[in-house]
Amino acid sequence: MEDLKKKLQEEIAALEYEMHVELPKEIARARAYGDLSENAEYSAAKERQSYVDARLSQLKGRLRDFSMIDMSRIPRDKVGLGSEVTVLDLKKDEEIRYKLVTSEEADVNSGRISTTSPIGKGLLGKEVGDTVRIVIPGGAREFEILKLTTIHDQV
């Protein structure tokens, strides 16, 4: 989670530099060309400025959200944010390992699923030995939880 906070802070810093240093220079340079109503450079710079401003607001909001995560509220014996879970797909008789992460960190190909995904939501709050049926876009899947390592065990 600290890696994600650092990544967000780095992106915020880069965008703030662009917003307060680079974009004002581009806008001033474009204004020098004259008539703003037909000035493509000016329009592009103003559009980029709007995008950067919106992205900064979004990133700062996410950073605030992460700062408010109360680690004591994440269960120590059940699946929660940061948990690594090994499940048995009962239909395929195949073991699958998932790590439950935030949506920004999700990468299905490497087994990192968001807590807001259908499988992530279905696993939240479950314990070793539980069987869970999860409806996903491709149908329903049934898993048995074989192994669980919570975020507290990893620290």
N, C-alpha and C. Protein backbone atom coordinates (compact mmCIF):
# COMPACT_ATOMS: atom_id res chain seq x y z
N MET A 1 0.82 -1.19 0.00
CA MET A 1 0.00 0.00 0.00
C MET A 1 0.87 1.26 0.00
N GLU A 2 2.03 1.16 0.67
CA GLU A 2 2.94 2.31 0.68
C GLU A 2 3.48 2.60 -0.72
N ASP A 3 3.69 1.53 -1.51
CA ASP A 3 4.15 1.72 -2.88
C ASP A 3 3.12 2.50 -3.70
N LEU A 4 1.85 2.18 -3.49
CA LEU A 4 0.79 2.86 -4.21
C LEU A 4 0.72 4.33 -3.80
N LYS A 5 0.84 4.60 -2.50
CA LYS A 5 0.83 5.99 -2.04
C LYS A 5 1.98 6.77 -2.68
N LYS A 6 3.16 6.15 -2.73
CA LYS A 6 4.32 6.80 -3.32
C LYS A 6 4.09 7.07 -4.80
N LYS A 7 3.52 6.10 -5.50
CA LYS A 7 3.23 6.26 -6.93
C LYS A 7 2.25 7.41 -7.16
N LEU A 8 1.21 7.49 -6.33
CA LEU A 8 0.24 8.58 -6.44
C LEU A 8 0.91 9.93 -6.17
N GLN A 9 1.76 9.99 -5.14
CA GLN A 9 2.45 11.24 -4.81
C GLN A 9 3.36 11.68 -5.95
N GLU A 10 4.02 10.73 -6.59
CA GLU A 10 4.91 11.07 -7.71
C GLU A 10 4.12 11.61 -8.90
N GLU A 11 2.98 10.97 -9.19
CA GLU A 11 2.15 11.44 -10.30
C GLU A 11 1.58 12.82 -9.98
N ILE A 12 1.17 13.04 -8.73
CA ILE A 12 0.67 14.36 -8.33
C ILE A 12 1.75 15.42 -8.51
N ALA A 13 2.97 15.12 -8.08
CA ALA A 13 4.07 16.08 -8.21
C ALA A 13 4.33 16.42 -9.68
N ALA A 14 4.34 15.41 -10.53
CA ALA A 14 4.59 15.64 -11.96
C ALA A 14 3.49 16.49 -12.59
N LEU A 15 2.25 16.20 -12.24
CA LEU A 15 1.13 16.96 -12.79
C LEU A 15 1.08 18.38 -12.25
N GLU A 16 1.43 18.56 -10.98
CA GLU A 16 1.47 19.92 -10.43
C GLU A 16 2.55 20.75 -11.11
N TYR A 17 3.68 20.13 -11.42
CA TYR A 17 4.74 20.84 -12.15
C TYR A 17 4.22 21.25 -13.52
N GLU A 18 3.57 20.32 -14.21
CA GLU A 18 3.02 20.63 -15.53
C GLU A 18 1.98 21.74 -15.43
N MET A 19 1.12 21.66 -14.42
CA MET A 19 0.03 22.61 -14.26
C MET A 19 0.53 24.02 -13.95
N HIS A 20 1.56 24.10 -13.10
CA HIS A 20 1.99 25.41 -12.62
C HIS A 20 3.23 25.98 -13.33
N VAL A 21 3.94 25.15 -14.10
CA VAL A 21 5.13 25.63 -14.77
C VAL A 21 5.02 25.52 -16.29
N GLU A 22 4.79 24.30 -16.78
CA GLU A 22 4.81 24.08 -18.23
C GLU A 22 3.58 24.66 -18.94
N LEU A 23 2.39 24.38 -18.43
CA LEU A 23 1.17 24.84 -19.10
C LEU A 23 1.05 26.37 -19.16
N PRO A 24 1.37 27.08 -18.09
CA PRO A 24 1.31 28.55 -18.22
C PRO A 24 2.24 29.09 -19.32
N LYS A 25 3.41 28.46 -19.49
CA LYS A 25 4.32 28.88 -20.57
C LYS A 25 3.70 28.60 -21.93
N GLU A 26 3.08 27.40 -22.09
CA GLU A 26 2.45 27.05 -23.36
C GLU A 26 1.30 28.00 -23.68
N ILE A 27 0.50 28.32 -22.67
CA ILE A 27 -0.64 29.22 -22.87
C ILE A 27 -0.16 30.62 -23.25
N ALA A 28 0.88 31.10 -22.57
CA ALA A 28 1.43 32.43 -22.89
C ALA A 28 1.99 32.45 -24.32
N ARG A 29 2.69 31.39 -24.69
CA ARG A 29 3.26 31.31 -26.04
C ARG A 29 2.13 31.29 -27.09
N ALA A 30 1.07 30.54 -26.82
CA ALA A 30 -0.05 30.45 -27.76
C ALA A 30 -0.80 31.79 -27.86
N ARG A 31 -0.90 32.50 -26.75
CA ARG A 31 -1.57 33.81 -26.77
C ARG A 31 -0.82 34.80 -27.66
N ALA A 32 0.48 34.62 -27.71
CA ALA A 32 1.31 35.53 -28.51
C ALA A 32 1.01 35.41 -30.00
N TYR A 33 0.39 34.31 -30.41
CA TYR A 33 0.06 34.13 -31.83
C TYR A 33 -1.12 34.98 -32.26
N GLY A 34 -1.82 35.58 -31.31
CA GLY A 34 -2.91 36.47 -31.67
C GLY A 34 -4.28 35.90 -31.44
N ASP A 35 -5.17 36.05 -32.41
CA ASP A 35 -6.59 35.68 -32.32
C ASP A 35 -6.79 34.32 -31.66
N LEU A 36 -7.35 34.33 -30.44
CA LEU A 36 -7.54 33.09 -29.67
C LEU A 36 -8.67 32.22 -30.20
N SER A 37 -9.61 32.80 -30.96
CA SER A 37 -10.75 32.03 -31.44
C SER A 37 -10.35 30.98 -32.48
N GLU A 38 -9.25 31.20 -33.18
CA GLU A 38 -8.78 30.25 -34.19
C GLU A 38 -7.38 29.75 -33.88
N ASN A 39 -7.03 29.72 -32.63
CA ASN A 39 -5.68 29.37 -32.21
C ASN A 39 -5.69 27.94 -31.65
N ALA A 40 -5.24 26.99 -32.47
CA ALA A 40 -5.26 25.57 -32.09
C ALA A 40 -4.33 25.29 -30.91
N GLU A 41 -3.19 25.94 -30.87
CA GLU A 41 -2.24 25.72 -29.78
C GLU A 41 -2.83 26.17 -28.45
N TYR A 42 -3.52 27.30 -28.47
CA TYR A 42 -4.15 27.81 -27.26
C TYR A 42 -5.25 26.85 -26.80
N SER A 43 -6.08 26.42 -27.73
CA SER A 43 -7.17 25.49 -27.40
C SER A 43 -6.62 24.20 -26.83
N ALA A 44 -5.57 23.67 -27.42
CA ALA A 44 -4.97 22.42 -26.95
C ALA A 44 -4.39 22.58 -25.55
N ALA A 45 -3.72 23.69 -25.30
CA ALA A 45 -3.13 23.94 -23.98
C ALA A 45 -4.21 24.09 -22.91
N LYS A 46 -5.28 24.80 -23.24
CA LYS A 46 -6.38 24.98 -22.28
C LYS A 46 -7.08 23.65 -22.02
N GLU A 47 -7.24 22.84 -23.06
CA GLU A 47 -7.86 21.52 -22.89
C GLU A 47 -6.99 20.64 -21.99
N ARG A 48 -5.68 20.67 -22.22
CA ARG A 48 -4.76 19.89 -21.40
C ARG A 48 -4.81 20.39 -19.95
N GLN A 49 -4.91 21.69 -19.77
CA GLN A 49 -4.99 22.26 -18.43
C GLN A 49 -6.23 21.75 -17.69
N SER A 50 -7.34 21.66 -18.38
CA SER A 50 -8.57 21.14 -17.77
C SER A 50 -8.39 19.68 -17.38
N TYR A 51 -7.78 18.90 -18.28
CA TYR A 51 -7.56 17.48 -17.99
C TYR A 51 -6.65 17.32 -16.77
N VAL A 52 -5.53 18.04 -16.74
CA VAL A 52 -4.57 17.93 -15.64
C VAL A 52 -5.23 18.34 -14.32
N ASP A 53 -6.02 19.38 -14.34
CA ASP A 53 -6.72 19.83 -13.14
C ASP A 53 -7.67 18.75 -12.62
N ALA A 54 -8.42 18.13 -13.51
CA ALA A 54 -9.35 17.07 -13.11
C ALA A 54 -8.60 15.85 -12.58
N ARG A 55 -7.51 15.49 -13.25
CA ARG A 55 -6.72 14.33 -12.81
C ARG A 55 -6.09 14.59 -11.45
N LEU A 56 -5.60 15.81 -11.22
CA LEU A 56 -5.04 16.16 -9.92
C LEU A 56 -6.08 16.00 -8.82
N SER A 57 -7.29 16.47 -9.06
CA SER A 57 -8.35 16.34 -8.06
C SER A 57 -8.63 14.88 -7.77
N GLN A 58 -8.69 14.07 -8.81
CA GLN A 58 -8.95 12.63 -8.64
C GLN A 58 -7.84 11.96 -7.83
N LEU A 59 -6.58 12.24 -8.17
CA LEU A 59 -5.46 11.62 -7.49
C LEU A 59 -5.37 12.05 -6.02
N LYS A 60 -5.60 13.32 -5.76
CA LYS A 60 -5.56 13.80 -4.38
C LYS A 60 -6.68 13.17 -3.56
N GLY A 61 -7.82 12.96 -4.18
CA GLY A 61 -8.93 12.29 -3.50
C GLY A 61 -8.57 10.85 -3.14
N ARG A 62 -7.95 10.13 -4.09
CA ARG A 62 -7.54 8.74 -3.83
C ARG A 62 -6.49 8.69 -2.72
N LEU A 63 -5.56 9.63 -2.74
CA LEU A 63 -4.52 9.67 -1.71
C LEU A 63 -5.14 9.90 -0.34
N ARG A 64 -6.13 10.79 -0.27
CA ARG A 64 -6.86 11.02 0.98
C ARG A 64 -7.56 9.74 1.44
N ASP A 65 -8.19 9.05 0.48
CA ASP A 65 -8.88 7.80 0.82
C ASP A 65 -7.91 6.78 1.42
N PHE A 66 -6.72 6.65 0.83
CA PHE A 66 -5.74 5.69 1.34
C PHE A 66 -5.23 6.08 2.72
N SER A 67 -5.11 7.37 2.96
CA SER A 67 -4.65 7.84 4.26
C SER A 67 -5.66 7.52 5.35
N MET A 68 -6.91 7.34 4.97
CA MET A 68 -7.95 7.09 5.95
C MET A 68 -8.20 5.60 6.19
N ILE A 69 -7.48 4.71 5.49
CA ILE A 69 -7.67 3.28 5.71
C ILE A 69 -7.20 2.94 7.11
N ASP A 70 -8.09 2.36 7.86
CA ASP A 70 -7.81 1.97 9.25
C ASP A 70 -7.41 0.50 9.25
N MET A 71 -6.11 0.25 9.41
CA MET A 71 -5.58 -1.11 9.38
C MET A 71 -6.22 -1.99 10.46
N SER A 72 -6.63 -1.40 11.56
CA SER A 72 -7.21 -2.19 12.64
C SER A 72 -8.60 -2.73 12.25
N ARG A 73 -9.20 -2.16 11.22
CA ARG A 73 -10.52 -2.63 10.78
C ARG A 73 -10.43 -3.73 9.73
N ILE A 74 -9.22 -3.98 9.22
CA ILE A 74 -9.03 -5.08 8.27
C ILE A 74 -8.91 -6.36 9.09
N PRO A 75 -9.76 -7.36 8.81
CA PRO A 75 -9.77 -8.57 9.64
C PRO A 75 -8.44 -9.33 9.62
N ARG A 76 -8.15 -9.99 10.73
CA ARG A 76 -6.91 -10.76 10.87
C ARG A 76 -7.10 -12.23 10.49
N ASP A 77 -8.35 -12.69 10.41
CA ASP A 77 -8.60 -14.11 10.16
C ASP A 77 -9.55 -14.34 8.99
N LYS A 78 -9.90 -13.27 8.28
CA LYS A 78 -10.81 -13.36 7.14
C LYS A 78 -10.21 -12.59 5.97
N VAL A 79 -10.69 -12.87 4.78
CA VAL A 79 -10.21 -12.21 3.57
C VAL A 79 -10.55 -10.72 3.63
N GLY A 80 -9.54 -9.89 3.37
CA GLY A 80 -9.72 -8.44 3.34
C GLY A 80 -8.70 -7.82 2.40
N LEU A 81 -8.67 -6.51 2.33
CA LEU A 81 -7.71 -5.80 1.50
C LEU A 81 -6.30 -6.26 1.85
N GLY A 82 -5.52 -6.60 0.83
CA GLY A 82 -4.14 -7.02 1.03
C GLY A 82 -3.97 -8.51 1.26
N SER A 83 -5.06 -9.24 1.41
CA SER A 83 -4.97 -10.68 1.65
C SER A 83 -4.48 -11.43 0.41
N GLU A 84 -3.73 -12.49 0.66
CA GLU A 84 -3.38 -13.44 -0.39
C GLU A 84 -4.19 -14.69 -0.11
N VAL A 85 -4.96 -15.12 -1.10
CA VAL A 85 -5.90 -16.22 -0.92
C VAL A 85 -5.64 -17.30 -1.97
N THR A 86 -5.53 -18.55 -1.51
CA THR A 86 -5.46 -19.67 -2.44
C THR A 86 -6.81 -20.36 -2.38
N VAL A 87 -7.43 -20.50 -3.56
CA VAL A 87 -8.74 -21.13 -3.65
C VAL A 87 -8.67 -22.32 -4.58
N LEU A 88 -9.62 -23.22 -4.41
CA LEU A 88 -9.77 -24.36 -5.30
C LEU A 88 -11.02 -24.12 -6.12
N ASP A 89 -10.84 -24.01 -7.44
CA ASP A 89 -11.99 -23.89 -8.33
C ASP A 89 -12.61 -25.29 -8.39
N LEU A 90 -13.78 -25.45 -7.79
CA LEU A 90 -14.38 -26.76 -7.62
C LEU A 90 -14.80 -27.40 -8.95
N LYS A 91 -15.14 -26.61 -9.94
CA LYS A 91 -15.54 -27.15 -11.24
C LYS A 91 -14.32 -27.63 -12.04
N LYS A 92 -13.25 -26.85 -12.01
CA LYS A 92 -12.05 -27.17 -12.78
C LYS A 92 -11.05 -28.00 -11.99
N ASP A 93 -11.27 -28.16 -10.68
CA ASP A 93 -10.33 -28.84 -9.79
C ASP A 93 -8.93 -28.23 -9.95
N GLU A 94 -8.89 -26.91 -9.86
CA GLU A 94 -7.65 -26.16 -10.09
C GLU A 94 -7.46 -25.16 -8.96
N GLU A 95 -6.22 -25.10 -8.43
CA GLU A 95 -5.90 -24.10 -7.41
C GLU A 95 -5.53 -22.78 -8.08
N ILE A 96 -6.05 -21.70 -7.52
CA ILE A 96 -5.77 -20.36 -8.03
C ILE A 96 -5.39 -19.49 -6.85
N ARG A 97 -4.41 -18.62 -7.06
CA ARG A 97 -3.97 -17.72 -5.99
C ARG A 97 -4.31 -16.29 -6.39
N TYR A 98 -4.95 -15.59 -5.47
CA TYR A 98 -5.32 -14.19 -5.69
C TYR A 98 -4.73 -13.34 -4.58
N LYS A 99 -4.43 -12.10 -4.93
CA LYS A 99 -4.09 -11.08 -3.93
C LYS A 99 -5.13 -9.98 -4.11
N LEU A 100 -5.81 -9.61 -3.02
CA LEU A 100 -6.84 -8.58 -3.09
C LEU A 100 -6.20 -7.20 -2.89
N VAL A 101 -6.38 -6.35 -3.88
CA VAL A 101 -5.72 -5.05 -3.92
C VAL A 101 -6.74 -3.96 -4.26
N THR A 102 -6.28 -2.73 -4.28
CA THR A 102 -7.13 -1.61 -4.70
C THR A 102 -7.28 -1.66 -6.22
N SER A 103 -8.23 -0.93 -6.74
CA SER A 103 -8.47 -0.94 -8.19
C SER A 103 -7.27 -0.44 -8.98
N GLU A 104 -6.48 0.47 -8.40
CA GLU A 104 -5.29 0.99 -9.10
C GLU A 104 -4.20 -0.07 -9.25
N GLU A 105 -4.16 -1.01 -8.33
CA GLU A 105 -3.11 -2.01 -8.33
C GLU A 105 -3.51 -3.30 -9.06
N ALA A 106 -4.78 -3.41 -9.43
CA ALA A 106 -5.30 -4.65 -10.01
C ALA A 106 -4.59 -5.01 -11.31
N ASP A 107 -4.28 -6.30 -11.45
CA ASP A 107 -3.69 -6.86 -12.66
C ASP A 107 -4.09 -8.33 -12.68
N VAL A 108 -5.18 -8.62 -13.35
CA VAL A 108 -5.76 -9.96 -13.33
C VAL A 108 -4.75 -11.01 -13.79
N ASN A 109 -3.95 -10.67 -14.79
CA ASN A 109 -2.98 -11.64 -15.33
C ASN A 109 -1.96 -12.09 -14.29
N SER A 110 -1.69 -11.25 -13.29
CA SER A 110 -0.73 -11.64 -12.25
C SER A 110 -1.45 -12.03 -10.95
N GLY A 111 -2.76 -12.20 -11.01
CA GLY A 111 -3.51 -12.65 -9.85
C GLY A 111 -3.86 -11.56 -8.85
N ARG A 112 -3.65 -10.31 -9.23
CA ARG A 112 -3.96 -9.19 -8.34
C ARG A 112 -5.35 -8.67 -8.73
N ILE A 113 -6.34 -8.97 -7.88
CA ILE A 113 -7.72 -8.57 -8.18
C ILE A 113 -8.20 -7.52 -7.21
N SER A 114 -9.03 -6.65 -7.71
CA SER A 114 -9.57 -5.56 -6.91
C SER A 114 -10.63 -6.08 -5.93
N THR A 115 -10.68 -5.43 -4.79
CA THR A 115 -11.71 -5.78 -3.81
C THR A 115 -13.10 -5.40 -4.32
N THR A 116 -13.16 -4.62 -5.40
CA THR A 116 -14.45 -4.22 -5.97
C THR A 116 -14.85 -5.09 -7.16
N SER A 117 -13.99 -6.02 -7.57
CA SER A 117 -14.33 -6.94 -8.66
C SER A 117 -15.30 -7.99 -8.14
N PRO A 118 -16.02 -8.67 -9.03
CA PRO A 118 -16.96 -9.71 -8.56
C PRO A 118 -16.29 -10.78 -7.69
N ILE A 119 -15.13 -11.27 -8.11
CA ILE A 119 -14.45 -12.30 -7.32
C ILE A 119 -13.94 -11.70 -6.01
N GLY A 120 -13.36 -10.50 -6.07
CA GLY A 120 -12.88 -9.83 -4.86
C GLY A 120 -14.00 -9.63 -3.85
N LYS A 121 -15.14 -9.12 -4.32
CA LYS A 121 -16.29 -8.91 -3.42
C LYS A 121 -16.76 -10.23 -2.83
N GLY A 122 -16.77 -11.29 -3.66
CA GLY A 122 -17.24 -12.59 -3.20
C GLY A 122 -16.35 -13.21 -2.14
N LEU A 123 -15.05 -12.91 -2.19
CA LEU A 123 -14.10 -13.48 -1.24
C LEU A 123 -14.01 -12.69 0.07
N LEU A 124 -14.33 -11.40 0.02
CA LEU A 124 -14.22 -10.57 1.23
C LEU A 124 -15.01 -11.16 2.40
N GLY A 125 -14.35 -11.22 3.55
CA GLY A 125 -15.01 -11.68 4.77
C GLY A 125 -15.06 -13.19 4.94
N LYS A 126 -14.53 -13.93 3.96
CA LYS A 126 -14.56 -15.39 4.05
C LYS A 126 -13.32 -15.91 4.77
N GLU A 127 -13.40 -17.19 5.23
CA GLU A 127 -12.31 -17.81 5.97
C GLU A 127 -11.87 -19.09 5.29
N VAL A 128 -10.73 -19.62 5.74
CA VAL A 128 -10.25 -20.90 5.23
C VAL A 128 -11.32 -21.96 5.52
N GLY A 129 -11.62 -22.77 4.50
CA GLY A 129 -12.64 -23.81 4.62
C GLY A 129 -13.99 -23.41 4.06
N ASP A 130 -14.22 -22.10 3.91
CA ASP A 130 -15.49 -21.64 3.35
C ASP A 130 -15.57 -21.98 1.86
N THR A 131 -16.77 -22.26 1.40
CA THR A 131 -17.05 -22.44 -0.02
C THR A 131 -17.91 -21.26 -0.43
N VAL A 132 -17.56 -20.66 -1.57
CA VAL A 132 -18.27 -19.47 -2.01
C VAL A 132 -18.63 -19.62 -3.49
N ARG A 133 -19.84 -19.21 -3.82
CA ARG A 133 -20.31 -19.20 -5.21
C ARG A 133 -20.34 -17.75 -5.66
N ILE A 134 -19.64 -17.48 -6.75
CA ILE A 134 -19.51 -16.10 -7.23
C ILE A 134 -20.02 -16.01 -8.66
N VAL A 135 -20.94 -15.09 -8.89
CA VAL A 135 -21.45 -14.87 -10.24
C VAL A 135 -20.56 -13.83 -10.92
N ILE A 136 -20.00 -14.23 -12.05
CA ILE A 136 -19.15 -13.34 -12.83
C ILE A 136 -19.75 -13.22 -14.23
N PRO A 137 -19.29 -12.27 -15.03
CA PRO A 137 -19.88 -12.10 -16.36
C PRO A 137 -19.95 -13.38 -17.20
N GLY A 138 -18.98 -14.29 -17.04
CA GLY A 138 -18.98 -15.52 -17.83
C GLY A 138 -19.79 -16.65 -17.22
N GLY A 139 -20.51 -16.41 -16.15
CA GLY A 139 -21.28 -17.45 -15.47
C GLY A 139 -20.98 -17.44 -13.99
N ALA A 140 -21.17 -18.58 -13.34
CA ALA A 140 -20.91 -18.68 -11.90
C ALA A 140 -19.71 -19.59 -11.67
N ARG A 141 -18.95 -19.27 -10.62
CA ARG A 141 -17.81 -20.11 -10.24
C ARG A 141 -17.93 -20.42 -8.76
N GLU A 142 -17.45 -21.59 -8.41
CA GLU A 142 -17.51 -22.01 -7.02
C GLU A 142 -16.10 -22.29 -6.53
N PHE A 143 -15.75 -21.65 -5.43
CA PHE A 143 -14.40 -21.77 -4.88
C PHE A 143 -14.46 -22.28 -3.44
N GLU A 144 -13.44 -23.03 -3.06
CA GLU A 144 -13.22 -23.38 -1.66
C GLU A 144 -11.94 -22.67 -1.25
N ILE A 145 -11.97 -21.97 -0.13
CA ILE A 145 -10.79 -21.25 0.33
C ILE A 145 -9.87 -22.24 1.05
N LEU A 146 -8.66 -22.40 0.49
CA LEU A 146 -7.69 -23.36 1.02
C LEU A 146 -6.68 -22.72 1.96
N LYS A 147 -6.24 -21.52 1.60
CA LYS A 147 -5.16 -20.87 2.35
C LYS A 147 -5.40 -19.37 2.36
N LEU A 148 -5.04 -18.73 3.46
CA LEU A 148 -5.24 -17.28 3.60
C LEU A 148 -4.08 -16.67 4.35
N THR A 149 -3.52 -15.63 3.77
CA THR A 149 -2.51 -14.82 4.45
C THR A 149 -3.04 -13.39 4.41
N THR A 150 -3.32 -12.81 5.57
CA THR A 150 -3.87 -11.45 5.59
C THR A 150 -2.73 -10.43 5.52
N ILE A 151 -3.11 -9.18 5.33
CA ILE A 151 -2.15 -8.08 5.26
C ILE A 151 -1.35 -7.99 6.58
N HIS A 152 -1.96 -8.38 7.69
CA HIS A 152 -1.30 -8.33 8.99
C HIS A 152 -0.19 -9.38 9.08
N ASP A 153 -0.41 -10.54 8.45
CA ASP A 153 0.59 -11.60 8.45
C ASP A 153 1.80 -11.24 7.59
N GLN A 154 1.59 -10.37 6.61
CA GLN A 154 2.66 -10.01 5.67
C GLN A 154 3.57 -8.92 6.19
N VAL A 155 3.10 -8.17 7.18
CA VAL A 155 3.87 -7.01 7.68
C VAL A 155 5.03 -7.48 8.54
